[in-house]
Amino acid sequence: MRDATFATETATVGPVSLQLEPGERLTLQCATAEEAAVVALLAAGIAKASGGSVLIDDYDPRVQPVHCKRVTALVPHEPFAIDESEFARYIAYRAALWNVEPARAFAHADLIRGRLRGMHEAFAYPLIGALIGLPRLIILDRPQAVYAPQIRTAVGELALLSTHTEPAAASAFA
């Protein structure tokens, strides 16, 4: 992102400038939850910048949104409202979305679940879903600091951007 801003009639977020290289981890402390969420959405290419520029692996989300979605995976702040009985359906959906063979997606999901032991399923499931397609960049919108060790283990060597509103949470992911 280079001087990226996002503006609505009532608020403006930015300008934000940041660059991540493969395997790099960056924590960004934001002033408000709204700012953190918008920065995460900009970084994922979901929200389009009103000013400045956002490039995701040399793709412009305004022109090449599908390519951007193949590179990034956003893990939202809100916990998921699905339970164990819906997990298989969720993984099948994510596999179809990322064009991953279902058997491979389920095997990968089981492997990731093992790395997330002790993490509440409401927070683990979106991370598992995000990792199904093997994206190059994981974006965490205000993740739970208590789960930082499990998240770092599950993400491995992928590039990671996490937004935070509290210094203690940001330092857990540094």
C-alpha atoms as a PDB file:
ATOM      1  CA  MET A   1       0.000   0.000   0.000  1.00  0.00           C
ATOM      2  CA  ARG A   2       1.277   3.419  -0.866  1.00  0.00           C
ATOM      3  CA  ASP A   3      -0.597   6.292   0.797  1.00  0.00           C
ATOM      4  CA  ALA A   4      -3.804   4.238   0.541  1.00  0.00           C
ATOM      5  CA  THR A   5      -6.914   5.902   1.910  1.00  0.00           C
ATOM      6  CA  PHE A   6     -10.484   4.752   2.222  1.00  0.00           C
ATOM      7  CA  ALA A   7     -13.163   7.406   2.574  1.00  0.00           C
ATOM      8  CA  THR A   8     -16.878   7.338   3.216  1.00  0.00           C
ATOM      9  CA  GLU A   9     -19.249  10.226   3.836  1.00  0.00           C
ATOM     10  CA  THR A  10     -18.590  10.011   7.563  1.00  0.00           C
ATOM     11  CA  ALA A  11     -14.991   8.851   7.991  1.00  0.00           C
ATOM     12  CA  THR A  12     -11.610   8.509   6.349  1.00  0.00           C
ATOM     13  CA  VAL A  13      -8.957   5.891   7.069  1.00  0.00           C
ATOM     14  CA  GLY A  14      -5.388   6.479   6.006  1.00  0.00           C
ATOM     15  CA  PRO A  15      -3.130   7.296   4.423  1.00  0.00           C
ATOM     16  CA  VAL A  16      -1.488   3.913   5.010  1.00  0.00           C
ATOM     17  CA  SER A  17       1.804   2.844   3.482  1.00  0.00           C
ATOM     18  CA  LEU A  18       3.255  -0.605   3.988  1.00  0.00           C
ATOM     19  CA  GLN A  19       5.032  -3.321   2.073  1.00  0.00           C
ATOM     20  CA  LEU A  20       5.373  -6.999   2.887  1.00  0.00           C
ATOM     21  CA  GLU A  21       7.863  -9.381   1.360  1.00  0.00           C
ATOM     22  CA  PRO A  22       7.334 -13.170   1.159  1.00  0.00           C
ATOM     23  CA  GLY A  23       7.558 -14.702   4.634  1.00  0.00           C
ATOM     24  CA  GLU A  24       7.582 -11.322   6.388  1.00  0.00           C
ATOM     25  CA  ARG A  25       5.327 -10.597   9.365  1.00  0.00           C
ATOM     26  CA  LEU A  26       3.956  -7.173  10.130  1.00  0.00           C
ATOM     27  CA  THR A  27       1.742  -6.011  12.953  1.00  0.00           C
ATOM     28  CA  LEU A  28      -0.021  -2.714  12.529  1.00  0.00           C
ATOM     29  CA  GLN A  29      -1.489  -0.954  15.535  1.00  0.00           C
ATOM     30  CA  CYS A  30      -4.501   1.143  14.580  1.00  0.00           C
ATOM     31  CA  ALA A  31      -6.310   3.809  16.586  1.00  0.00           C
ATOM     32  CA  THR A  32      -9.787   2.267  16.280  1.00  0.00           C
ATOM     33  CA  ALA A  33     -11.445  -1.028  15.449  1.00  0.00           C
ATOM     34  CA  GLU A  34     -12.959   0.563  12.328  1.00  0.00           C
ATOM     35  CA  GLU A  35      -9.516   1.644  11.117  1.00  0.00           C
ATOM     36  CA  ALA A  36      -8.058  -1.818  11.767  1.00  0.00           C
ATOM     37  CA  ALA A  37     -10.893  -3.501   9.861  1.00  0.00           C
ATOM     38  CA  VAL A  38     -10.592  -1.126   6.891  1.00  0.00           C
ATOM     39  CA  VAL A  39      -6.812  -1.575   6.672  1.00  0.00           C
ATOM     40  CA  ALA A  40      -7.295  -5.368   6.681  1.00  0.00           C
ATOM     41  CA  LEU A  41      -9.938  -5.107   3.943  1.00  0.00           C
ATOM     42  CA  LEU A  42      -7.686  -2.834   1.861  1.00  0.00           C
ATOM     43  CA  ALA A  43      -4.748  -5.217   2.254  1.00  0.00           C
ATOM     44  CA  ALA A  44      -6.918  -8.126   1.100  1.00  0.00           C
ATOM     45  CA  GLY A  45      -8.180  -6.198  -1.904  1.00  0.00           C
ATOM     46  CA  ILE A  46     -11.775  -6.404  -0.698  1.00  0.00           C
ATOM     47  CA  ALA A  47     -12.186  -2.671  -0.027  1.00  0.00           C
ATOM     48  CA  LYS A  48     -11.045  -0.464  -2.874  1.00  0.00           C
ATOM     49  CA  ALA A  49      -8.807   2.479  -2.010  1.00  0.00           C
ATOM     50  CA  SER A  50     -10.298   5.953  -2.521  1.00  0.00           C
ATOM     51  CA  GLY A  51      -6.828   7.400  -2.911  1.00  0.00           C
ATOM     52  CA  GLY A  52      -3.272   6.194  -3.138  1.00  0.00           C
ATOM     53  CA  SER A  53      -2.575   2.696  -4.388  1.00  0.00           C
ATOM     54  CA  VAL A  54      -2.796  -0.914  -3.308  1.00  0.00           C
ATOM     55  CA  LEU A  55      -0.956  -3.654  -5.152  1.00  0.00           C
ATOM     56  CA  ILE A  56      -1.187  -7.278  -4.133  1.00  0.00           C
ATOM     57  CA  ASP A  57       1.561  -9.348  -5.720  1.00  0.00           C
ATOM     58  CA  ASP A  58       1.702  -6.720  -8.503  1.00  0.00           C
ATOM     59  CA  TYR A  59      -2.080  -6.967  -9.073  1.00  0.00           C
ATOM     60  CA  ASP A  60      -4.378  -3.977  -8.678  1.00  0.00           C
ATOM     61  CA  PRO A  61      -7.546  -5.011  -6.794  1.00  0.00           C
ATOM     62  CA  ARG A  62      -9.597  -2.484  -8.770  1.00  0.00           C
ATOM     63  CA  VAL A  63      -8.619  -4.151 -12.057  1.00  0.00           C
ATOM     64  CA  GLN A  64      -7.674  -7.733 -11.124  1.00  0.00           C
ATOM     65  CA  PRO A  65      -9.730  -8.636  -8.029  1.00  0.00           C
ATOM     66  CA  VAL A  66      -9.781 -12.375  -8.776  1.00  0.00           C
ATOM     67  CA  HIS A  67      -5.978 -12.555  -8.876  1.00  0.00           C
ATOM     68  CA  CYS A  68      -5.784 -10.690  -5.561  1.00  0.00           C
ATOM     69  CA  LYS A  69      -8.193 -13.143  -3.935  1.00  0.00           C
ATOM     70  CA  ARG A  70      -5.961 -16.028  -5.019  1.00  0.00           C
ATOM     71  CA  VAL A  71      -2.964 -14.441  -3.297  1.00  0.00           C
ATOM     72  CA  THR A  72      -4.498 -13.238  -0.017  1.00  0.00           C
ATOM     73  CA  ALA A  73      -6.715 -14.701   2.646  1.00  0.00           C
ATOM     74  CA  LEU A  74      -8.503 -12.539   5.201  1.00  0.00           C
ATOM     75  CA  VAL A  75      -9.336 -13.855   8.659  1.00  0.00           C
ATOM     76  CA  PRO A  76     -12.019 -11.508  10.009  1.00  0.00           C
ATOM     77  CA  HIS A  77     -12.196 -10.266  13.572  1.00  0.00           C
ATOM     78  CA  GLU A  78     -15.622 -11.669  14.344  1.00  0.00           C
ATOM     79  CA  PRO A  79     -15.712 -15.305  15.457  1.00  0.00           C
ATOM     80  CA  PHE A  80     -17.495 -17.778  13.201  1.00  0.00           C
ATOM     81  CA  ALA A  81     -20.952 -18.965  14.096  1.00  0.00           C
ATOM     82  CA  ILE A  82     -20.525 -22.475  12.690  1.00  0.00           C
ATOM     83  CA  ASP A  83     -20.075 -25.577  14.750  1.00  0.00           C
ATOM     84  CA  GLU A  84     -18.502 -28.990  14.256  1.00  0.00           C
ATOM     85  CA  SER A  85     -21.535 -30.307  12.365  1.00  0.00           C
ATOM     86  CA  GLU A  86     -21.116 -27.591   9.704  1.00  0.00           C
ATOM     87  CA  PHE A  87     -17.309 -27.756   9.512  1.00  0.00           C
ATOM     88  CA  ALA A  88     -17.177 -30.314   6.668  1.00  0.00           C
ATOM     89  CA  ARG A  89     -19.570 -28.230   4.582  1.00  0.00           C
ATOM     90  CA  TYR A  90     -17.480 -25.134   5.243  1.00  0.00           C
ATOM     91  CA  ILE A  91     -14.267 -26.865   4.143  1.00  0.00           C
ATOM     92  CA  ALA A  92     -15.991 -28.147   0.982  1.00  0.00           C
ATOM     93  CA  TYR A  93     -17.142 -24.590   0.248  1.00  0.00           C
ATOM     94  CA  ARG A  94     -13.626 -23.161   0.768  1.00  0.00           C
ATOM     95  CA  ALA A  95     -12.119 -25.925  -1.398  1.00  0.00           C
ATOM     96  CA  ALA A  96     -14.499 -25.047  -4.232  1.00  0.00           C
ATOM     97  CA  LEU A  97     -13.774 -21.350  -3.791  1.00  0.00           C
ATOM     98  CA  TRP A  98     -10.012 -21.897  -4.039  1.00  0.00           C
ATOM     99  CA  ASN A  99     -10.361 -24.655  -6.680  1.00  0.00           C
ATOM    100  CA  VAL A 100      -8.691 -27.224  -4.421  1.00  0.00           C
ATOM    101  CA  GLU A 101      -9.457 -30.946  -4.656  1.00  0.00           C
ATOM    102  CA  PRO A 102     -11.831 -31.722  -1.735  1.00  0.00           C
ATOM    103  CA  ALA A 103      -9.802 -34.683  -0.430  1.00  0.00           C
ATOM    104  CA  ARG A 104      -6.683 -32.515  -0.337  1.00  0.00           C
ATOM    105  CA  ALA A 105      -8.611 -29.694   1.381  1.00  0.00           C
ATOM    106  CA  PHE A 106      -9.899 -32.022   4.110  1.00  0.00           C
ATOM    107  CA  ALA A 107      -6.437 -33.488   4.689  1.00  0.00           C
ATOM    108  CA  HIS A 108      -4.959 -29.994   4.905  1.00  0.00           C
ATOM    109  CA  ALA A 109      -7.753 -28.877   7.260  1.00  0.00           C
ATOM    110  CA  ASP A 110      -7.040 -31.812   9.577  1.00  0.00           C
ATOM    111  CA  LEU A 111      -3.334 -30.961   9.603  1.00  0.00           C
ATOM    112  CA  ILE A 112      -4.056 -27.316  10.448  1.00  0.00           C
ATOM    113  CA  ARG A 113      -6.537 -28.317  13.174  1.00  0.00           C
ATOM    114  CA  GLY A 114      -3.743 -30.242  14.833  1.00  0.00           C
ATOM    115  CA  ARG A 115      -1.624 -27.080  14.915  1.00  0.00           C
ATOM    116  CA  LEU A 116      -4.498 -25.111  16.448  1.00  0.00           C
ATOM    117  CA  ARG A 117      -5.089 -27.342  19.470  1.00  0.00           C
ATOM    118  CA  GLY A 118      -6.520 -25.366  22.342  1.00  0.00           C
ATOM    119  CA  MET A 119      -7.937 -22.661  20.086  1.00  0.00           C
ATOM    120  CA  HIS A 120     -11.706 -22.198  20.259  1.00  0.00           C
ATOM    121  CA  GLU A 121     -13.316 -23.441  17.041  1.00  0.00           C
ATOM    122  CA  ALA A 122     -15.019 -20.079  16.428  1.00  0.00           C
ATOM    123  CA  PHE A 123     -11.551 -18.565  15.929  1.00  0.00           C
ATOM    124  CA  ALA A 124      -9.849 -21.639  14.443  1.00  0.00           C
ATOM    125  CA  TYR A 125     -12.334 -22.335  11.628  1.00  0.00           C
ATOM    126  CA  PRO A 126     -11.839 -19.065   9.697  1.00  0.00           C
ATOM    127  CA  LEU A 127      -8.061 -19.492   9.896  1.00  0.00           C
ATOM    128  CA  ILE A 128      -8.340 -23.084   8.661  1.00  0.00           C
ATOM    129  CA  GLY A 129     -10.578 -21.912   5.814  1.00  0.00           C
ATOM    130  CA  ALA A 130      -8.127 -19.152   4.924  1.00  0.00           C
ATOM    131  CA  LEU A 131      -5.222 -21.599   4.728  1.00  0.00           C
ATOM    132  CA  ILE A 132      -7.011 -24.162   2.509  1.00  0.00           C
ATOM    133  CA  GLY A 133      -6.004 -22.414  -0.715  1.00  0.00           C
ATOM    134  CA  LEU A 134      -2.348 -21.942   0.289  1.00  0.00           C
ATOM    135  CA  PRO A 135      -2.374 -18.147  -0.087  1.00  0.00           C
ATOM    136  CA  ARG A 136       0.876 -16.205   0.003  1.00  0.00           C
ATOM    137  CA  LEU A 137      -0.445 -13.572   2.433  1.00  0.00           C
ATOM    138  CA  ILE A 138      -2.621 -14.089   5.502  1.00  0.00           C
ATOM    139  CA  ILE A 139      -4.361 -10.995   6.854  1.00  0.00           C
ATOM    140  CA  LEU A 140      -5.631 -11.142  10.417  1.00  0.00           C
ATOM    141  CA  ASP A 141      -8.079  -8.454  11.499  1.00  0.00           C
ATOM    142  CA  ARG A 142      -7.567  -7.966  15.254  1.00  0.00           C
ATOM    143  CA  PRO A 143      -6.785 -11.592  16.139  1.00  0.00           C
ATOM    144  CA  GLN A 144      -7.050 -12.838  19.708  1.00  0.00           C
ATOM    145  CA  ALA A 145      -3.620 -12.366  21.322  1.00  0.00           C
ATOM    146  CA  VAL A 146      -4.124 -15.466  23.461  1.00  0.00           C
ATOM    147  CA  TYR A 147      -3.995 -17.568  20.281  1.00  0.00           C
ATOM    148  CA  ALA A 148      -0.828 -15.973  18.844  1.00  0.00           C
ATOM    149  CA  PRO A 149       1.395 -19.073  19.306  1.00  0.00           C
ATOM    150  CA  GLN A 150      -1.081 -21.381  17.546  1.00  0.00           C
ATOM    151  CA  ILE A 151      -1.671 -18.870  14.746  1.00  0.00           C
ATOM    152  CA  ARG A 152       2.058 -18.399  14.133  1.00  0.00           C
ATOM    153  CA  THR A 153       2.507 -22.192  14.015  1.00  0.00           C
ATOM    154  CA  ALA A 154      -0.402 -22.678  11.587  1.00  0.00           C
ATOM    155  CA  VAL A 155       0.684 -19.853   9.283  1.00  0.00           C
ATOM    156  CA  GLY A 156       4.274 -21.094   9.124  1.00  0.00           C
ATOM    157  CA  GLU A 157       6.423 -19.202   6.628  1.00  0.00           C
ATOM    158  CA  LEU A 158       3.592 -17.346   4.873  1.00  0.00           C
ATOM    159  CA  ALA A 159       3.573 -13.558   4.892  1.00  0.00           C
ATOM    160  CA  LEU A 160       1.365 -12.301   7.719  1.00  0.00           C
ATOM    161  CA  LEU A 161      -0.246  -8.916   8.326  1.00  0.00           C
ATOM    162  CA  SER A 162      -2.193  -8.445  11.533  1.00  0.00           C
ATOM    163  CA  THR A 163      -4.092  -5.339  12.573  1.00  0.00           C
ATOM    164  CA  HIS A 164      -4.578  -4.456  16.242  1.00  0.00           C
ATOM    165  CA  THR A 165      -6.001  -1.744  18.452  1.00  0.00           C
ATOM    166  CA  GLU A 166      -4.107  -2.670  21.629  1.00  0.00           C
ATOM    167  CA  PRO A 167      -0.308  -2.611  22.066  1.00  0.00           C
ATOM    168  CA  ALA A 168      -0.297  -5.906  24.020  1.00  0.00           C
ATOM    169  CA  ALA A 169      -2.104  -7.733  21.207  1.00  0.00           C
ATOM    170  CA  ALA A 170       0.237  -6.248  18.595  1.00  0.00           C
ATOM    171  CA  SER A 171       3.316  -7.334  20.527  1.00  0.00           C
ATOM    172  CA  ALA A 172       1.979 -10.916  20.761  1.00  0.00           C
ATOM    173  CA  PHE A 173       2.174 -11.150  16.948  1.00  0.00           C
ATOM    174  CA  ALA A 174       5.450  -9.251  16.435  1.00  0.00           C
END
